[in-house]
Amino acid sequence: MKLEHVLLRLLATRPHSGYDLRNWLAADGQFVTSRVHHSQIYRALARMRADGWVEDRVDPRERRPDARVYRLTERGRQALRDWIDSPYEPTSRFHDSDFVNRFLITVALDRAAAIRLVTTELDHRTEQIARNRHRDRTIHFEDPLPGLDTRRHQAAADLVHQYGAGAVDWWVAWLRDVLRRLESDDLDPGSPAATSDSPQERP
């Protein structure tokens, strides 16, 4: 996923100034993308303008500096659509920012595509759990660093695994619930889940 995809998603909702985009990325955006410097935003916007994805105009402001406001062009809308329709390839780490950004815009634009997206992620995580949950996690030490406590090192690794197993189980349960909601076209977060999945048994 590129920064341009995040900006396309935001501009699909309304025109934004660079300042608006900067503020969003510093607040809500921190949860769906890596830290972005303001210079990266303006470089991305310049690339998008050169590619014909956005157009901009100066919006006069009283008692404030004028703002340059960006909006999607037809080519920009097609670029967004092309990204949504492109194959989603899950990464080794769940709750990936590419999935989150695709999900946020795909649900609103194309329910069938959103179902495919969530199904792909769910199938990948289910297979990932089956393949890795009960692997041998024993750390084999050979001439370890002096002072390294091998017992505590193994215990720390087991604690991290315990956390990861619980987190990915929660993610899978959430994906299943979201898939049911998409299939029934009931995305109201206040409505009860169709069934109550218990997280998978943890090691």
Protein backbone atom coordinates (compact mmCIF):
# COMPACT_ATOMS: atom_id res chain seq x y z
CA MET A 1 0.00 0.00 0.00
CA LYS A 2 1.25 3.47 -0.87
CA LEU A 3 0.50 6.78 0.81
CA GLU A 4 -1.35 7.72 -2.39
CA HIS A 5 -3.90 4.98 -1.65
CA VAL A 6 -4.60 6.43 1.79
CA LEU A 7 -5.02 9.90 0.26
CA LEU A 8 -7.30 8.56 -2.48
CA ARG A 9 -9.51 7.01 0.20
CA LEU A 10 -9.72 10.27 2.13
CA LEU A 11 -10.40 12.36 -0.96
CA ALA A 12 -13.21 9.97 -1.91
CA THR A 13 -15.21 11.36 1.02
CA ARG A 14 -14.70 15.07 0.34
CA PRO A 15 -12.10 17.57 -0.91
CA HIS A 16 -9.25 18.14 1.55
CA SER A 17 -6.55 20.73 1.91
CA GLY A 18 -3.02 19.58 2.60
CA TYR A 19 -3.48 20.88 6.13
CA ASP A 20 -6.64 18.75 6.54
CA LEU A 21 -4.78 15.65 5.35
CA ARG A 22 -1.86 16.38 7.62
CA ASN A 23 -4.13 16.70 10.66
CA TRP A 24 -5.98 13.47 9.85
CA LEU A 25 -2.77 11.50 9.39
CA ALA A 26 -1.47 12.81 12.72
CA ALA A 27 -4.65 11.74 14.53
CA ASP A 28 -6.85 8.96 13.10
CA GLY A 29 -4.27 8.12 10.46
CA GLN A 30 -1.73 6.94 13.00
CA PHE A 31 -3.82 3.79 13.46
CA VAL A 32 -3.92 2.82 9.77
CA THR A 33 -0.55 3.86 8.39
CA SER A 34 3.02 4.44 9.46
CA ARG A 35 4.12 7.84 10.71
CA VAL A 36 4.06 10.27 7.81
CA HIS A 37 6.00 13.53 7.66
CA HIS A 38 4.11 16.49 6.21
CA SER A 39 6.65 16.78 3.37
CA GLN A 40 5.69 13.24 2.27
CA ILE A 41 2.04 14.29 2.01
CA TYR A 42 2.82 17.19 -0.30
CA ARG A 43 5.19 15.09 -2.42
CA ALA A 44 2.47 12.44 -2.79
CA LEU A 45 -0.09 15.09 -3.74
CA ALA A 46 2.33 16.47 -6.34
CA ARG A 47 2.72 12.98 -7.83
CA MET A 48 -1.05 12.49 -7.84
CA ARG A 49 -1.55 15.84 -9.56
CA ALA A 50 1.12 14.97 -12.17
CA ASP A 51 -0.65 11.65 -12.78
CA GLY A 52 -3.98 13.42 -13.20
CA TRP A 53 -5.52 11.82 -10.10
CA VAL A 54 -6.29 15.08 -8.32
CA GLU A 55 -6.96 18.67 -9.21
CA ASP A 56 -6.51 21.57 -6.84
CA ARG A 57 -7.77 25.09 -6.38
CA VAL A 58 -7.01 27.89 -3.95
CA ASP A 59 -9.71 28.39 -1.35
CA PRO A 60 -9.59 31.96 0.06
CA ARG A 61 -9.89 32.13 3.88
CA GLU A 62 -10.76 35.18 5.93
CA ARG A 63 -8.12 36.15 8.49
CA ARG A 64 -6.23 32.94 7.65
CA PRO A 65 -3.82 31.93 4.91
CA ASP A 66 -5.52 30.72 1.74
CA ALA A 67 -5.74 26.93 1.46
CA ARG A 68 -5.01 24.76 -1.56
CA VAL A 69 -7.84 22.21 -1.73
CA TYR A 70 -7.52 18.89 -3.53
CA ARG A 71 -10.32 16.82 -5.07
CA LEU A 72 -10.38 13.57 -7.05
CA THR A 73 -10.58 13.64 -10.81
CA GLU A 74 -12.15 10.91 -12.93
CA ARG A 75 -8.69 9.38 -13.29
CA GLY A 76 -8.28 9.53 -9.53
CA ARG A 77 -11.59 7.75 -9.01
CA GLN A 78 -10.44 5.06 -11.44
CA ALA A 79 -7.10 4.74 -9.61
CA LEU A 80 -9.03 4.18 -6.38
CA ARG A 81 -11.20 1.59 -8.09
CA ASP A 82 -8.13 -0.15 -9.56
CA TRP A 83 -6.58 -0.39 -6.09
CA ILE A 84 -9.78 -1.82 -4.61
CA ASP A 85 -9.99 -4.39 -7.43
CA SER A 86 -6.31 -5.36 -7.27
CA PRO A 87 -5.49 -8.67 -5.56
CA TYR A 88 -5.10 -8.39 -1.80
CA GLU A 89 -2.10 -10.36 -0.54
CA PRO A 90 -2.07 -10.79 3.25
CA THR A 91 1.26 -10.18 4.96
CA SER A 92 2.75 -12.32 7.71
CA ARG A 93 1.52 -9.78 10.29
CA PHE A 94 -2.19 -9.49 10.89
CA HIS A 95 -4.06 -6.17 11.17
CA ASP A 96 -1.96 -4.88 8.31
CA SER A 97 -2.50 -1.27 7.24
CA ASP A 98 -3.18 -2.30 3.62
CA PHE A 99 -6.09 -4.47 4.77
CA VAL A 100 -7.47 -1.74 7.07
CA ASN A 101 -7.36 0.95 4.39
CA ARG A 102 -8.86 -1.32 1.74
CA PHE A 103 -11.59 -2.40 4.17
CA LEU A 104 -12.56 1.17 5.11
CA ILE A 105 -13.24 2.25 1.53
CA THR A 106 -14.29 -1.07 -0.03
CA VAL A 107 -17.14 -1.61 2.42
CA ALA A 108 -18.58 1.74 1.36
CA LEU A 109 -18.09 1.26 -2.39
CA ASP A 110 -18.51 -2.43 -3.17
CA ARG A 111 -19.98 -4.93 -0.68
CA ALA A 112 -19.08 -7.95 -2.84
CA ALA A 113 -15.46 -6.79 -3.03
CA ALA A 114 -15.46 -6.24 0.74
CA ILE A 115 -16.70 -9.82 1.27
CA ARG A 116 -13.88 -11.10 -0.95
CA LEU A 117 -11.34 -9.00 0.95
CA VAL A 118 -12.45 -10.20 4.39
CA THR A 119 -12.70 -13.82 3.20
CA THR A 120 -9.14 -13.67 1.84
CA GLU A 121 -7.82 -12.31 5.12
CA LEU A 122 -9.83 -14.79 7.20
CA ASP A 123 -8.72 -17.80 5.14
CA HIS A 124 -5.08 -16.69 5.33
CA ARG A 125 -5.14 -16.18 9.11
CA THR A 126 -6.96 -19.46 9.73
CA GLU A 127 -4.35 -21.34 7.69
CA GLN A 128 -1.56 -19.39 9.38
CA ILE A 129 -2.84 -20.41 12.83
CA ALA A 130 -3.20 -24.06 11.81
CA ARG A 131 0.33 -24.10 10.41
CA ASN A 132 2.08 -22.30 13.27
CA ARG A 133 0.11 -22.59 16.51
CA HIS A 134 1.65 -25.83 17.73
CA ARG A 135 5.12 -25.53 16.23
CA ASP A 136 8.13 -26.31 18.38
CA ARG A 137 9.11 -22.95 19.89
CA THR A 138 12.06 -24.25 21.88
CA ILE A 139 15.05 -21.92 21.64
CA HIS A 140 18.28 -23.88 21.18
CA PHE A 141 21.24 -22.17 22.81
CA GLU A 142 24.85 -22.72 21.86
CA ASP A 143 27.56 -20.72 23.58
CA PRO A 144 25.12 -17.96 24.60
CA LEU A 145 26.26 -14.50 25.60
CA PRO A 146 27.74 -14.51 29.13
CA GLY A 147 25.05 -13.48 31.61
CA LEU A 148 22.18 -14.45 29.32
CA ASP A 149 19.58 -16.34 31.35
CA THR A 150 18.36 -19.05 28.98
CA ARG A 151 15.33 -19.91 31.15
CA ARG A 152 14.10 -16.32 31.21
CA HIS A 153 14.82 -15.90 27.50
CA GLN A 154 12.59 -18.90 26.71
CA ALA A 155 9.92 -17.66 29.13
CA ALA A 156 9.91 -14.24 27.48
CA ALA A 157 9.47 -15.83 24.06
CA ASP A 158 6.58 -17.94 25.38
CA LEU A 159 4.89 -14.85 26.85
CA VAL A 160 5.15 -13.02 23.52
CA HIS A 161 3.69 -16.05 21.76
CA GLN A 162 0.85 -16.17 24.28
CA TYR A 163 0.03 -12.54 23.56
CA GLY A 164 0.25 -13.04 19.78
CA ALA A 165 -1.94 -16.15 19.88
CA GLY A 166 -4.63 -14.33 21.85
CA ALA A 167 -4.47 -11.29 19.57
CA VAL A 168 -4.74 -13.24 16.32
CA ASP A 169 -7.60 -15.32 17.77
CA TRP A 170 -9.47 -12.10 18.53
CA TRP A 171 -8.73 -10.86 15.00
CA VAL A 172 -10.11 -14.07 13.46
CA ALA A 173 -13.26 -13.85 15.60
CA TRP A 174 -13.70 -10.22 14.49
CA LEU A 175 -13.23 -11.17 10.83
CA ARG A 176 -15.88 -13.88 11.13
CA ASP A 177 -18.32 -11.47 12.71
CA VAL A 178 -17.63 -8.81 10.06
CA LEU A 179 -18.09 -11.37 7.29
CA ARG A 180 -21.50 -12.35 8.69
CA ARG A 181 -22.45 -8.68 8.92
CA LEU A 182 -21.38 -8.02 5.34
CA GLU A 183 -23.25 -11.05 4.05
CA SER A 184 -26.43 -9.97 5.87
CA ASP A 185 -25.78 -6.30 5.03
CA ASP A 186 -26.01 -5.33 8.71
CA LEU A 187 -22.92 -3.33 9.64
CA ASP A 188 -24.43 -1.54 12.64
CA PRO A 189 -21.72 -2.02 15.32
CA GLY A 190 -24.43 -1.76 17.99
CA SER A 191 -26.31 -4.81 16.74
CA PRO A 192 -25.46 -8.19 18.29
CA ALA A 193 -23.23 -10.58 16.42
CA ALA A 194 -25.00 -13.36 14.56
CA THR A 195 -23.26 -15.95 16.75
CA SER A 196 -20.85 -15.71 19.62
CA ASP A 197 -17.56 -17.17 18.49
CA SER A 198 -15.20 -18.16 21.23
CA PRO A 199 -11.52 -17.63 20.48
CA GLN A 200 -9.80 -20.79 19.40
CA GLU A 201 -8.13 -22.84 22.08
CA ARG A 202 -4.75 -21.39 22.86
CA PRO A 203 -1.64 -23.41 23.57
